[in-house]
Amino acid sequence: MFSTFFTAWGYEVSYLEFVASVASLIGVGLGITTKRITWPWWAISSLLYGIFFLQYKLYASAALQIIFIIAAVIGWYGWEPTGAKPGPFKNKYRLYTIAGILVATLALGPVLKSIGAASTYVDAILFFGSFAAQLLMVYEKYDSWPMWLVVDAGYTALYASQGLLFTTLLYAVFTALAAMGWSSWYAAHRRAIRSL
């Protein structure tokens, strides 16, 4: 899994990174369509990416994969077999979420620095942003997608700065997919309201 699958522009893509990327792409694509089958794909890709990120000392990114696996189990049992029923997140909770992300980032950043992480505050804020976005997704809130859009754009920059070119490309695609997910889930919510 750690050996090179192919080389592009001088960057060696391992079997691990390639398979993790494909599984992630499938999971996000299925998530956009509100299909419950998204969750096993999230779990598989998270397991693989957890191993991958440990190799590059991106400890917050690696730990996040554990949360994603737990969320995948909760999402699988929480969503109806027909899929998600997107709804809104209350405005007051949005402010609490942003404040919580900022405070938690200030607490985690120094810890990451002390253990020699490759990235500290950036990885910390993206960790907590992803955690919040994933929770919103588990609870079927269409607000998860604009949060994913911001987080994925941040991860695109972080992974580019670490020289992880293939994963950088994947997260650039995720950023575009997050915009599609936002549109799709909001439209599903509006249709549900009109049908009442």
N, C-alpha and C. Protein backbone atom coordinates (compact mmCIF):
# COMPACT_ATOMS: atom_id res chain seq x y z
N MET A 1 0.83 -1.22 0.00
CA MET A 1 0.00 0.00 0.00
C MET A 1 0.86 1.26 0.00
N PHE A 2 2.05 1.19 0.60
CA PHE A 2 2.89 2.38 0.71
C PHE A 2 3.78 2.57 -0.52
N SER A 3 3.85 1.56 -1.39
CA SER A 3 4.69 1.67 -2.57
C SER A 3 4.03 2.56 -3.61
N THR A 4 4.82 3.00 -4.56
CA THR A 4 4.35 3.96 -5.57
C THR A 4 3.47 3.27 -6.60
N PHE A 5 2.29 3.85 -6.82
CA PHE A 5 1.36 3.36 -7.83
C PHE A 5 1.69 4.00 -9.18
N PHE A 6 1.88 5.33 -9.16
CA PHE A 6 2.32 6.03 -10.36
C PHE A 6 2.97 7.35 -9.95
N THR A 7 3.67 7.95 -10.89
CA THR A 7 4.32 9.24 -10.66
C THR A 7 3.75 10.25 -11.65
N ALA A 8 3.37 11.42 -11.13
CA ALA A 8 2.84 12.50 -11.97
C ALA A 8 3.55 13.79 -11.60
N TRP A 9 4.14 14.45 -12.60
CA TRP A 9 4.86 15.72 -12.40
C TRP A 9 5.90 15.60 -11.29
N GLY A 10 6.54 14.43 -11.22
CA GLY A 10 7.57 14.20 -10.22
C GLY A 10 7.05 13.81 -8.85
N TYR A 11 5.74 13.75 -8.68
CA TYR A 11 5.14 13.39 -7.39
C TYR A 11 4.74 11.92 -7.42
N GLU A 12 5.19 11.18 -6.42
CA GLU A 12 4.88 9.75 -6.35
C GLU A 12 3.58 9.53 -5.60
N VAL A 13 2.59 8.97 -6.27
CA VAL A 13 1.29 8.66 -5.67
C VAL A 13 1.33 7.20 -5.23
N SER A 14 1.18 6.98 -3.93
CA SER A 14 1.19 5.61 -3.41
C SER A 14 -0.16 4.94 -3.67
N TYR A 15 -0.16 3.63 -3.59
CA TYR A 15 -1.42 2.90 -3.68
C TYR A 15 -2.38 3.38 -2.60
N LEU A 16 -1.85 3.63 -1.40
CA LEU A 16 -2.67 4.07 -0.28
C LEU A 16 -3.35 5.40 -0.58
N GLU A 17 -2.58 6.37 -1.04
CA GLU A 17 -3.15 7.69 -1.33
C GLU A 17 -4.17 7.60 -2.46
N PHE A 18 -3.89 6.80 -3.47
CA PHE A 18 -4.79 6.68 -4.61
C PHE A 18 -6.12 6.05 -4.19
N VAL A 19 -6.06 4.93 -3.49
CA VAL A 19 -7.29 4.23 -3.08
C VAL A 19 -8.09 5.09 -2.10
N ALA A 20 -7.39 5.74 -1.16
CA ALA A 20 -8.07 6.63 -0.21
C ALA A 20 -8.78 7.76 -0.95
N SER A 21 -8.13 8.32 -1.96
CA SER A 21 -8.72 9.42 -2.74
C SER A 21 -9.96 8.97 -3.50
N VAL A 22 -9.88 7.82 -4.13
CA VAL A 22 -11.03 7.31 -4.90
C VAL A 22 -12.20 7.03 -3.96
N ALA A 23 -11.93 6.39 -2.83
CA ALA A 23 -13.00 6.09 -1.87
C ALA A 23 -13.62 7.38 -1.34
N SER A 24 -12.78 8.39 -1.07
CA SER A 24 -13.28 9.68 -0.59
C SER A 24 -14.18 10.35 -1.63
N LEU A 25 -13.72 10.32 -2.86
CA LEU A 25 -14.49 10.94 -3.94
C LEU A 25 -15.86 10.28 -4.10
N ILE A 26 -15.89 8.96 -4.03
CA ILE A 26 -17.16 8.24 -4.12
C ILE A 26 -18.06 8.61 -2.95
N GLY A 27 -17.49 8.65 -1.73
CA GLY A 27 -18.26 8.99 -0.55
C GLY A 27 -18.87 10.37 -0.62
N VAL A 28 -18.09 11.35 -1.02
CA VAL A 28 -18.61 12.72 -1.12
C VAL A 28 -19.66 12.81 -2.22
N GLY A 29 -19.40 12.16 -3.35
CA GLY A 29 -20.39 12.17 -4.43
C GLY A 29 -21.73 11.60 -4.01
N LEU A 30 -21.69 10.49 -3.27
CA LEU A 30 -22.93 9.89 -2.78
C LEU A 30 -23.58 10.77 -1.72
N GLY A 31 -22.77 11.46 -0.93
CA GLY A 31 -23.31 12.37 0.08
C GLY A 31 -24.09 13.52 -0.53
N ILE A 32 -23.62 14.02 -1.66
CA ILE A 32 -24.31 15.11 -2.35
C ILE A 32 -25.73 14.68 -2.73
N THR A 33 -25.87 13.42 -3.10
CA THR A 33 -27.18 12.92 -3.54
C THR A 33 -28.05 12.45 -2.38
N THR A 34 -27.60 12.67 -1.14
CA THR A 34 -28.30 12.31 0.10
C THR A 34 -28.47 10.80 0.29
N LYS A 35 -27.69 10.00 -0.40
CA LYS A 35 -27.81 8.55 -0.28
C LYS A 35 -27.11 8.04 0.98
N ARG A 36 -27.76 7.15 1.70
CA ARG A 36 -27.20 6.60 2.94
C ARG A 36 -25.95 5.78 2.70
N ILE A 37 -25.79 5.24 1.52
CA ILE A 37 -24.62 4.41 1.20
C ILE A 37 -23.33 5.24 1.23
N THR A 38 -23.45 6.55 1.35
CA THR A 38 -22.27 7.41 1.48
C THR A 38 -21.41 7.00 2.68
N TRP A 39 -22.05 6.57 3.78
CA TRP A 39 -21.34 6.37 5.03
C TRP A 39 -20.29 5.26 5.01
N PRO A 40 -20.55 4.09 4.44
CA PRO A 40 -19.46 3.10 4.38
C PRO A 40 -18.24 3.61 3.60
N TRP A 41 -18.49 4.38 2.57
CA TRP A 41 -17.38 4.94 1.79
C TRP A 41 -16.58 5.94 2.62
N TRP A 42 -17.28 6.75 3.43
CA TRP A 42 -16.59 7.68 4.33
C TRP A 42 -15.71 6.89 5.29
N ALA A 43 -16.24 5.81 5.84
CA ALA A 43 -15.49 5.02 6.82
C ALA A 43 -14.23 4.41 6.19
N ILE A 44 -14.37 3.84 5.00
CA ILE A 44 -13.22 3.21 4.32
C ILE A 44 -12.16 4.26 3.99
N SER A 45 -12.58 5.36 3.40
CA SER A 45 -11.61 6.39 3.02
C SER A 45 -10.95 7.00 4.25
N SER A 46 -11.71 7.14 5.34
CA SER A 46 -11.15 7.72 6.56
C SER A 46 -10.10 6.82 7.18
N LEU A 47 -10.34 5.53 7.18
CA LEU A 47 -9.36 4.59 7.69
C LEU A 47 -8.05 4.70 6.90
N LEU A 48 -8.17 4.72 5.58
CA LEU A 48 -6.99 4.80 4.72
C LEU A 48 -6.27 6.14 4.87
N TYR A 49 -7.04 7.22 4.90
CA TYR A 49 -6.42 8.54 5.02
C TYR A 49 -5.81 8.75 6.41
N GLY A 50 -6.38 8.12 7.43
CA GLY A 50 -5.77 8.22 8.76
C GLY A 50 -4.35 7.69 8.74
N ILE A 51 -4.15 6.56 8.10
CA ILE A 51 -2.82 5.96 7.98
C ILE A 51 -1.91 6.88 7.14
N PHE A 52 -2.46 7.40 6.06
CA PHE A 52 -1.69 8.27 5.16
C PHE A 52 -1.21 9.53 5.88
N PHE A 53 -2.12 10.21 6.60
CA PHE A 53 -1.75 11.46 7.26
C PHE A 53 -0.74 11.25 8.39
N LEU A 54 -0.78 10.11 9.05
CA LEU A 54 0.22 9.83 10.07
C LEU A 54 1.62 9.81 9.48
N GLN A 55 1.75 9.32 8.25
CA GLN A 55 3.05 9.30 7.58
C GLN A 55 3.65 10.69 7.44
N TYR A 56 2.79 11.71 7.30
CA TYR A 56 3.26 13.07 7.05
C TYR A 56 3.16 13.97 8.28
N LYS A 57 2.95 13.36 9.45
CA LYS A 57 2.87 14.08 10.73
C LYS A 57 1.77 15.13 10.74
N LEU A 58 0.72 14.90 10.00
CA LEU A 58 -0.47 15.76 10.04
C LEU A 58 -1.42 15.12 11.06
N TYR A 59 -1.06 15.29 12.33
CA TYR A 59 -1.72 14.56 13.40
C TYR A 59 -3.19 14.92 13.57
N ALA A 60 -3.53 16.20 13.43
CA ALA A 60 -4.94 16.58 13.55
C ALA A 60 -5.75 15.99 12.40
N SER A 61 -5.18 16.01 11.20
CA SER A 61 -5.87 15.41 10.05
C SER A 61 -6.05 13.90 10.25
N ALA A 62 -5.05 13.25 10.83
CA ALA A 62 -5.14 11.81 11.09
C ALA A 62 -6.19 11.52 12.16
N ALA A 63 -6.19 12.29 13.24
CA ALA A 63 -7.17 12.09 14.32
C ALA A 63 -8.59 12.35 13.83
N LEU A 64 -8.73 13.29 12.91
CA LEU A 64 -10.04 13.61 12.36
C LEU A 64 -10.67 12.40 11.69
N GLN A 65 -9.84 11.53 11.14
CA GLN A 65 -10.37 10.36 10.45
C GLN A 65 -11.08 9.41 11.41
N ILE A 66 -10.65 9.39 12.66
CA ILE A 66 -11.34 8.58 13.68
C ILE A 66 -12.75 9.13 13.90
N ILE A 67 -12.86 10.45 13.97
CA ILE A 67 -14.17 11.09 14.12
C ILE A 67 -15.04 10.79 12.91
N PHE A 68 -14.45 10.82 11.73
CA PHE A 68 -15.22 10.52 10.52
C PHE A 68 -15.75 9.09 10.53
N ILE A 69 -14.94 8.16 11.03
CA ILE A 69 -15.40 6.76 11.09
C ILE A 69 -16.56 6.62 12.07
N ILE A 70 -16.45 7.26 13.24
CA ILE A 70 -17.54 7.24 14.21
C ILE A 70 -18.79 7.89 13.62
N ALA A 71 -18.61 9.02 12.95
CA ALA A 71 -19.74 9.72 12.32
C ALA A 71 -20.38 8.85 11.24
N ALA A 72 -19.56 8.07 10.53
CA ALA A 72 -20.10 7.20 9.48
C ALA A 72 -21.03 6.15 10.07
N VAL A 73 -20.66 5.62 11.23
CA VAL A 73 -21.52 4.63 11.89
C VAL A 73 -22.82 5.29 12.36
N ILE A 74 -22.69 6.47 12.99
CA ILE A 74 -23.88 7.19 13.47
C ILE A 74 -24.76 7.59 12.29
N GLY A 75 -24.15 8.09 11.22
CA GLY A 75 -24.91 8.49 10.04
C GLY A 75 -25.64 7.33 9.40
N TRP A 76 -24.98 6.18 9.33
CA TRP A 76 -25.60 5.00 8.74
C TRP A 76 -26.88 4.62 9.49
N TYR A 77 -26.81 4.64 10.81
CA TYR A 77 -27.98 4.26 11.60
C TYR A 77 -28.96 5.43 11.79
N GLY A 78 -28.48 6.65 11.64
CA GLY A 78 -29.33 7.82 11.86
C GLY A 78 -30.16 8.22 10.65
N TRP A 79 -29.58 8.05 9.47
CA TRP A 79 -30.31 8.40 8.26
C TRP A 79 -31.31 7.29 7.94
N GLU A 80 -32.42 7.68 7.35
CA GLU A 80 -33.39 6.69 6.89
C GLU A 80 -32.81 5.92 5.71
N PRO A 81 -33.28 4.70 5.47
CA PRO A 81 -32.77 3.93 4.32
C PRO A 81 -32.92 4.67 2.99
N THR A 82 -33.89 5.56 2.90
CA THR A 82 -34.08 6.33 1.67
C THR A 82 -33.09 7.50 1.56
N GLY A 83 -32.37 7.78 2.64
CA GLY A 83 -31.37 8.84 2.60
C GLY A 83 -31.69 10.00 3.51
N ALA A 84 -30.87 11.04 3.41
CA ALA A 84 -31.00 12.22 4.26
C ALA A 84 -32.23 13.04 3.88
N LYS A 85 -32.76 13.72 4.88
CA LYS A 85 -33.85 14.69 4.71
C LYS A 85 -33.31 16.04 5.16
N PRO A 86 -32.64 16.77 4.26
CA PRO A 86 -31.94 17.99 4.66
C PRO A 86 -32.86 19.05 5.28
N GLY A 87 -32.33 19.69 6.31
CA GLY A 87 -33.03 20.77 6.97
C GLY A 87 -32.04 21.85 7.39
N PRO A 88 -32.54 22.98 7.92
CA PRO A 88 -31.66 24.09 8.30
C PRO A 88 -31.09 23.94 9.71
N PHE A 89 -30.03 24.66 9.94
CA PHE A 89 -29.39 24.76 11.25
C PHE A 89 -29.81 26.11 11.83
N LYS A 90 -30.19 26.17 13.08
CA LYS A 90 -30.67 27.42 13.67
C LYS A 90 -29.56 28.46 13.73
N ASN A 91 -29.91 29.73 13.47
CA ASN A 91 -28.93 30.81 13.42
C ASN A 91 -28.11 30.93 14.69
N LYS A 92 -28.75 30.85 15.86
CA LYS A 92 -27.99 31.02 17.11
C LYS A 92 -26.94 29.93 17.26
N TYR A 93 -27.21 28.74 16.76
CA TYR A 93 -26.24 27.66 16.85
C TYR A 93 -25.06 27.87 15.91
N ARG A 94 -25.29 28.61 14.84
CA ARG A 94 -24.18 28.92 13.93
C ARG A 94 -23.11 29.74 14.66
N LEU A 95 -23.55 30.74 15.42
CA LEU A 95 -22.60 31.57 16.17
C LEU A 95 -21.87 30.76 17.23
N TYR A 96 -22.59 29.90 17.94
CA TYR A 96 -21.96 29.03 18.94
C TYR A 96 -20.94 28.11 18.29
N THR A 97 -21.26 27.61 17.11
CA THR A 97 -20.36 26.70 16.41
C THR A 97 -19.07 27.41 16.03
N ILE A 98 -19.18 28.61 15.47
CA ILE A 98 -17.98 29.36 15.08
C ILE A 98 -17.13 29.71 16.30
N ALA A 99 -17.78 30.15 17.38
CA ALA A 99 -17.04 30.47 18.61
C ALA A 99 -16.35 29.22 19.16
N GLY A 100 -17.05 28.10 19.14
CA GLY A 100 -16.47 26.85 19.63
C GLY A 100 -15.26 26.42 18.82
N ILE A 101 -15.35 26.57 17.50
CA ILE A 101 -14.23 26.22 16.61
C ILE A 101 -13.01 27.08 16.94
N LEU A 102 -13.22 28.38 17.14
CA LEU A 102 -12.10 29.29 17.42
C LEU A 102 -11.45 28.99 18.77
N VAL A 103 -12.26 28.80 19.80
CA VAL A 103 -11.71 28.51 21.14
C VAL A 103 -10.97 27.18 21.13
N ALA A 104 -11.56 26.17 20.52
CA ALA A 104 -10.93 24.84 20.47
C ALA A 104 -9.62 24.89 19.69
N THR A 105 -9.58 25.68 18.64
CA THR A 105 -8.35 25.84 17.84
C THR A 105 -7.23 26.43 18.68
N LEU A 106 -7.56 27.45 19.47
CA LEU A 106 -6.55 28.08 20.33
C LEU A 106 -6.01 27.10 21.38
N ALA A 107 -6.85 26.13 21.77
CA ALA A 107 -6.40 25.12 22.73
C ALA A 107 -5.56 24.03 22.06
N LEU A 108 -5.94 23.60 20.86
CA LEU A 108 -5.25 22.49 20.20
C LEU A 108 -3.95 22.91 19.52
N GLY A 109 -3.87 24.13 19.01
CA GLY A 109 -2.68 24.58 18.29
C GLY A 109 -1.38 24.36 19.05
N PRO A 110 -1.28 24.81 20.31
CA PRO A 110 -0.03 24.59 21.06
C PRO A 110 0.28 23.11 21.31
N VAL A 111 -0.74 22.29 21.46
CA VAL A 111 -0.53 20.85 21.65
C VAL A 111 0.12 20.26 20.41
N LEU A 112 -0.42 20.61 19.24
CA LEU A 112 0.15 20.11 17.99
C LEU A 112 1.60 20.58 17.83
N LYS A 113 1.85 21.83 18.21
CA LYS A 113 3.21 22.35 18.11
C LYS A 113 4.16 21.57 19.02
N SER A 114 3.70 21.25 20.23
CA SER A 114 4.56 20.57 21.21
C SER A 114 4.91 19.14 20.80
N ILE A 115 4.06 18.52 19.97
CA ILE A 115 4.37 17.14 19.55
C ILE A 115 5.03 17.08 18.18
N GLY A 116 5.37 18.25 17.65
CA GLY A 116 6.12 18.30 16.40
C GLY A 116 5.29 18.08 15.14
N ALA A 117 4.02 18.49 15.19
CA ALA A 117 3.15 18.35 14.02
C ALA A 117 3.67 19.21 12.87
N ALA A 118 3.41 18.78 11.66
CA ALA A 118 3.84 19.52 10.48
C ALA A 118 3.06 20.83 10.33
N SER A 119 1.85 20.87 10.86
CA SER A 119 1.03 22.07 10.83
C SER A 119 0.32 22.16 12.18
N THR A 120 0.17 23.38 12.69
CA THR A 120 -0.43 23.52 14.02
C THR A 120 -1.79 24.20 13.96
N TYR A 121 -1.82 25.51 13.97
CA TYR A 121 -3.10 26.22 14.06
C TYR A 121 -3.97 26.02 12.82
N VAL A 122 -3.36 25.95 11.67
CA VAL A 122 -4.15 25.73 10.44
C VAL A 122 -4.80 24.35 10.49
N ASP A 123 -4.02 23.33 10.84
CA ASP A 123 -4.57 21.99 10.93
C ASP A 123 -5.62 21.92 12.04
N ALA A 124 -5.41 22.67 13.13
CA ALA A 124 -6.36 22.67 14.25
C ALA A 124 -7.71 23.28 13.84
N ILE A 125 -7.68 24.43 13.18
CA ILE A 125 -8.95 25.07 12.82
C ILE A 125 -9.69 24.25 11.76
N LEU A 126 -8.93 23.63 10.86
CA LEU A 126 -9.57 22.78 9.86
C LEU A 126 -10.11 21.50 10.50
N PHE A 127 -9.43 21.01 11.52
CA PHE A 127 -9.91 19.85 12.27
C PHE A 127 -11.28 20.14 12.87
N PHE A 128 -11.39 21.25 13.59
CA PHE A 128 -12.65 21.56 14.26
C PHE A 128 -13.73 22.00 13.27
N GLY A 129 -13.33 22.65 12.19
CA GLY A 129 -14.31 22.98 11.14
C GLY A 129 -14.87 21.72 10.50
N SER A 130 -13.99 20.75 10.24
CA SER A 130 -14.43 19.48 9.67
C SER A 130 -15.32 18.71 10.64
N PHE A 131 -14.93 18.74 11.90
CA PHE A 131 -15.72 18.06 12.93
C PHE A 131 -17.15 18.63 12.95
N ALA A 132 -17.25 19.96 12.94
CA ALA A 132 -18.57 20.60 12.94
C ALA A 132 -19.34 20.28 11.67
N ALA A 133 -18.67 20.35 10.51
CA ALA A 133 -19.34 20.05 9.24
C ALA A 133 -19.84 18.61 9.21
N GLN A 134 -19.03 17.70 9.73
CA GLN A 134 -19.44 16.30 9.74
C GLN A 134 -20.63 16.06 10.65
N LEU A 135 -20.64 16.71 11.82
CA LEU A 135 -21.80 16.59 12.71
C LEU A 135 -23.07 17.12 12.05
N LEU A 136 -22.93 18.25 11.38
CA LEU A 136 -24.10 18.82 10.68
C LEU A 136 -24.59 17.87 9.59
N MET A 137 -23.65 17.20 8.95
CA MET A 137 -24.04 16.24 7.90
C MET A 137 -24.75 15.04 8.51
N VAL A 138 -24.23 14.54 9.62
CA VAL A 138 -24.87 13.42 10.30
C VAL A 138 -26.30 13.78 10.68
N TYR A 139 -26.48 15.02 11.13
CA TYR A 139 -27.82 15.47 11.54
C TYR A 139 -28.62 16.08 10.39
N GLU A 140 -28.14 15.85 9.16
CA GLU A 140 -28.88 16.17 7.93
C GLU A 140 -29.17 17.67 7.76
N LYS A 141 -28.22 18.51 8.14
CA LYS A 141 -28.36 19.96 7.99
C LYS A 141 -27.65 20.40 6.70
N TYR A 142 -28.38 21.11 5.85
CA TYR A 142 -27.75 21.54 4.60
C TYR A 142 -26.62 22.53 4.84
N ASP A 143 -26.57 23.11 6.03
CA ASP A 143 -25.49 24.05 6.38
C ASP A 143 -24.13 23.35 6.45
N SER A 144 -24.12 22.03 6.46
CA SER A 144 -22.83 21.33 6.47
C SER A 144 -22.04 21.65 5.21
N TRP A 145 -22.72 21.84 4.10
CA TRP A 145 -22.01 22.01 2.83
C TRP A 145 -21.27 23.33 2.69
N PRO A 146 -21.83 24.49 3.10
CA PRO A 146 -21.00 25.70 3.04
C PRO A 146 -19.79 25.61 3.98
N MET A 147 -19.98 24.90 5.11
CA MET A 147 -18.85 24.72 6.00
C MET A 147 -17.80 23.83 5.34
N TRP A 148 -18.25 22.76 4.64
CA TRP A 148 -17.31 21.91 3.92
C TRP A 148 -16.59 22.72 2.85
N LEU A 149 -17.28 23.63 2.19
CA LEU A 149 -16.66 24.44 1.14
C LEU A 149 -15.47 25.20 1.70
N VAL A 150 -15.65 25.86 2.85
CA VAL A 150 -14.57 26.64 3.47
C VAL A 150 -13.45 25.72 3.93
N VAL A 151 -13.82 24.63 4.60
CA VAL A 151 -12.83 23.69 5.13
C VAL A 151 -12.03 23.04 4.00
N ASP A 152 -12.71 22.61 2.95
CA ASP A 152 -12.01 21.96 1.83
C ASP A 152 -11.06 22.92 1.13
N ALA A 153 -11.46 24.18 1.01
CA ALA A 153 -10.55 25.18 0.42
C ALA A 153 -9.32 25.34 1.31
N GLY A 154 -9.53 25.35 2.63
CA GLY A 154 -8.40 25.44 3.56
C GLY A 154 -7.49 24.23 3.47
N TYR A 155 -8.08 23.04 3.38
CA TYR A 155 -7.26 21.83 3.25
C TYR A 155 -6.52 21.81 1.92
N THR A 156 -7.10 22.35 0.89
CA THR A 156 -6.41 22.42 -0.41
C THR A 156 -5.10 23.19 -0.24
N ALA A 157 -5.18 24.33 0.46
CA ALA A 157 -3.97 25.14 0.69
C ALA A 157 -2.99 24.42 1.62
N LEU A 158 -3.50 23.79 2.68
CA LEU A 158 -2.62 23.10 3.63
C LEU A 158 -1.87 21.96 2.95
N TYR A 159 -2.58 21.12 2.23
CA TYR A 159 -1.93 19.97 1.62
C TYR A 159 -0.99 20.40 0.50
N ALA A 160 -1.30 21.50 -0.17
CA ALA A 160 -0.37 22.04 -1.18
C ALA A 160 0.92 22.48 -0.49
N SER A 161 0.79 23.11 0.68
CA SER A 161 1.99 23.58 1.39
C SER A 161 2.84 22.42 1.90
N GLN A 162 2.24 21.25 2.07
CA GLN A 162 2.97 20.06 2.52
C GLN A 162 3.49 19.23 1.35
N GLY A 163 3.20 19.66 0.12
CA GLY A 163 3.68 18.96 -1.06
C GLY A 163 2.90 17.70 -1.40
N LEU A 164 1.68 17.57 -0.86
CA LEU A 164 0.85 16.39 -1.13
C LEU A 164 -0.03 16.69 -2.35
N LEU A 165 0.56 16.65 -3.51
CA LEU A 165 -0.08 17.17 -4.72
C LEU A 165 -1.36 16.42 -5.10
N PHE A 166 -1.37 15.12 -5.00
CA PHE A 166 -2.54 14.36 -5.41
C PHE A 166 -3.71 14.63 -4.47
N THR A 167 -3.44 14.67 -3.16
CA THR A 167 -4.48 14.97 -2.19
C THR A 167 -4.91 16.43 -2.31
N THR A 168 -4.00 17.33 -2.66
CA THR A 168 -4.36 18.73 -2.91
C THR A 168 -5.38 18.82 -4.04
N LEU A 169 -5.12 18.10 -5.11
CA LEU A 169 -6.06 18.08 -6.24
C LEU A 169 -7.41 17.55 -5.81
N LEU A 170 -7.41 16.48 -5.01
CA LEU A 170 -8.66 15.91 -4.51
C LEU A 170 -9.45 16.95 -3.71
N TYR A 171 -8.79 17.68 -2.84
CA TYR A 171 -9.49 18.67 -2.02
C TYR A 171 -9.95 19.87 -2.83
N ALA A 172 -9.27 20.19 -3.90
CA ALA A 172 -9.76 21.23 -4.81
C ALA A 172 -11.08 20.77 -5.44
N VAL A 173 -11.14 19.49 -5.82
CA VAL A 173 -12.38 18.92 -6.36
C VAL A 173 -13.46 18.92 -5.28
N PHE A 174 -13.08 18.55 -4.03
CA PHE A 174 -14.04 18.56 -2.93
C PHE A 174 -14.64 19.95 -2.72
N THR A 175 -13.83 20.99 -2.90
CA THR A 175 -14.33 22.35 -2.74
C THR A 175 -15.46 22.63 -3.73
N ALA A 176 -15.26 22.22 -4.97
CA ALA A 176 -16.31 22.39 -5.98
C ALA A 176 -17.52 21.51 -5.66
N LEU A 177 -17.27 20.29 -5.21
CA LEU A 177 -18.37 19.38 -4.86
C LEU A 177 -19.16 19.90 -3.67
N ALA A 178 -18.51 20.59 -2.75
CA ALA A 178 -19.21 21.15 -1.60
C ALA A 178 -20.23 22.20 -2.06
N ALA A 179 -19.86 22.99 -3.05
CA ALA A 179 -20.81 23.96 -3.61
C ALA A 179 -22.00 23.23 -4.23
N MET A 180 -21.73 22.13 -4.93
CA MET A 180 -22.81 21.33 -5.51
C MET A 180 -23.68 20.71 -4.42
N GLY A 181 -23.05 20.21 -3.36
CA GLY A 181 -23.79 19.63 -2.25
C GLY A 181 -24.70 20.63 -1.58
N TRP A 182 -24.20 21.84 -1.40
CA TRP A 182 -24.98 22.91 -0.79
C TRP A 182 -26.23 23.17 -1.63
N SER A 183 -26.04 23.31 -2.91
CA SER A 183 -27.16 23.55 -3.82
C SER A 183 -28.15 22.39 -3.81
N SER A 184 -27.64 21.17 -3.87
CA SER A 184 -28.48 19.98 -3.92
C SER A 184 -29.29 19.80 -2.64
N TRP A 185 -28.63 19.93 -1.49
CA TRP A 185 -29.32 19.73 -0.22
C TRP A 185 -30.33 20.85 0.06
N TYR A 186 -29.97 22.07 -0.29
CA TYR A 186 -30.91 23.18 -0.08
C TYR A 186 -32.13 23.00 -0.97
N ALA A 187 -31.90 22.58 -2.21
CA ALA A 187 -33.03 22.34 -3.13
C ALA A 187 -33.91 21.22 -2.61
N ALA A 188 -33.33 20.16 -2.06
CA ALA A 188 -34.11 19.06 -1.49
C ALA A 188 -34.95 19.54 -0.32
N HIS A 189 -34.39 20.43 0.49
CA HIS A 189 -35.11 21.00 1.62
C HIS A 189 -36.30 21.83 1.13
N ARG A 190 -36.08 22.65 0.10
CA ARG A 190 -37.14 23.51 -0.44
C ARG A 190 -38.26 22.66 -1.04
N ARG A 191 -37.89 21.57 -1.73
CA ARG A 191 -38.91 20.67 -2.29
C ARG A 191 -39.76 20.04 -1.20
N ALA A 192 -39.10 19.65 -0.11
CA ALA A 192 -39.82 19.04 1.01
C ALA A 192 -40.81 20.02 1.63
N ILE A 193 -40.41 21.28 1.73
CA ILE A 193 -41.31 22.30 2.30
C ILE A 193 -42.51 22.51 1.39
N ARG A 194 -42.26 22.57 0.08
CA ARG A 194 -43.37 22.80 -0.88
C ARG A 194 -44.35 21.64 -0.90
N SER A 195 -43.84 20.44 -0.60
CA SER A 195 -44.74 19.26 -0.67
C SER A 195 -45.60 19.11 0.59
N LEU A 196 -45.33 19.93 1.61
CA LEU A 196 -46.14 19.84 2.84
C LEU A 196 -47.53 20.44 2.66
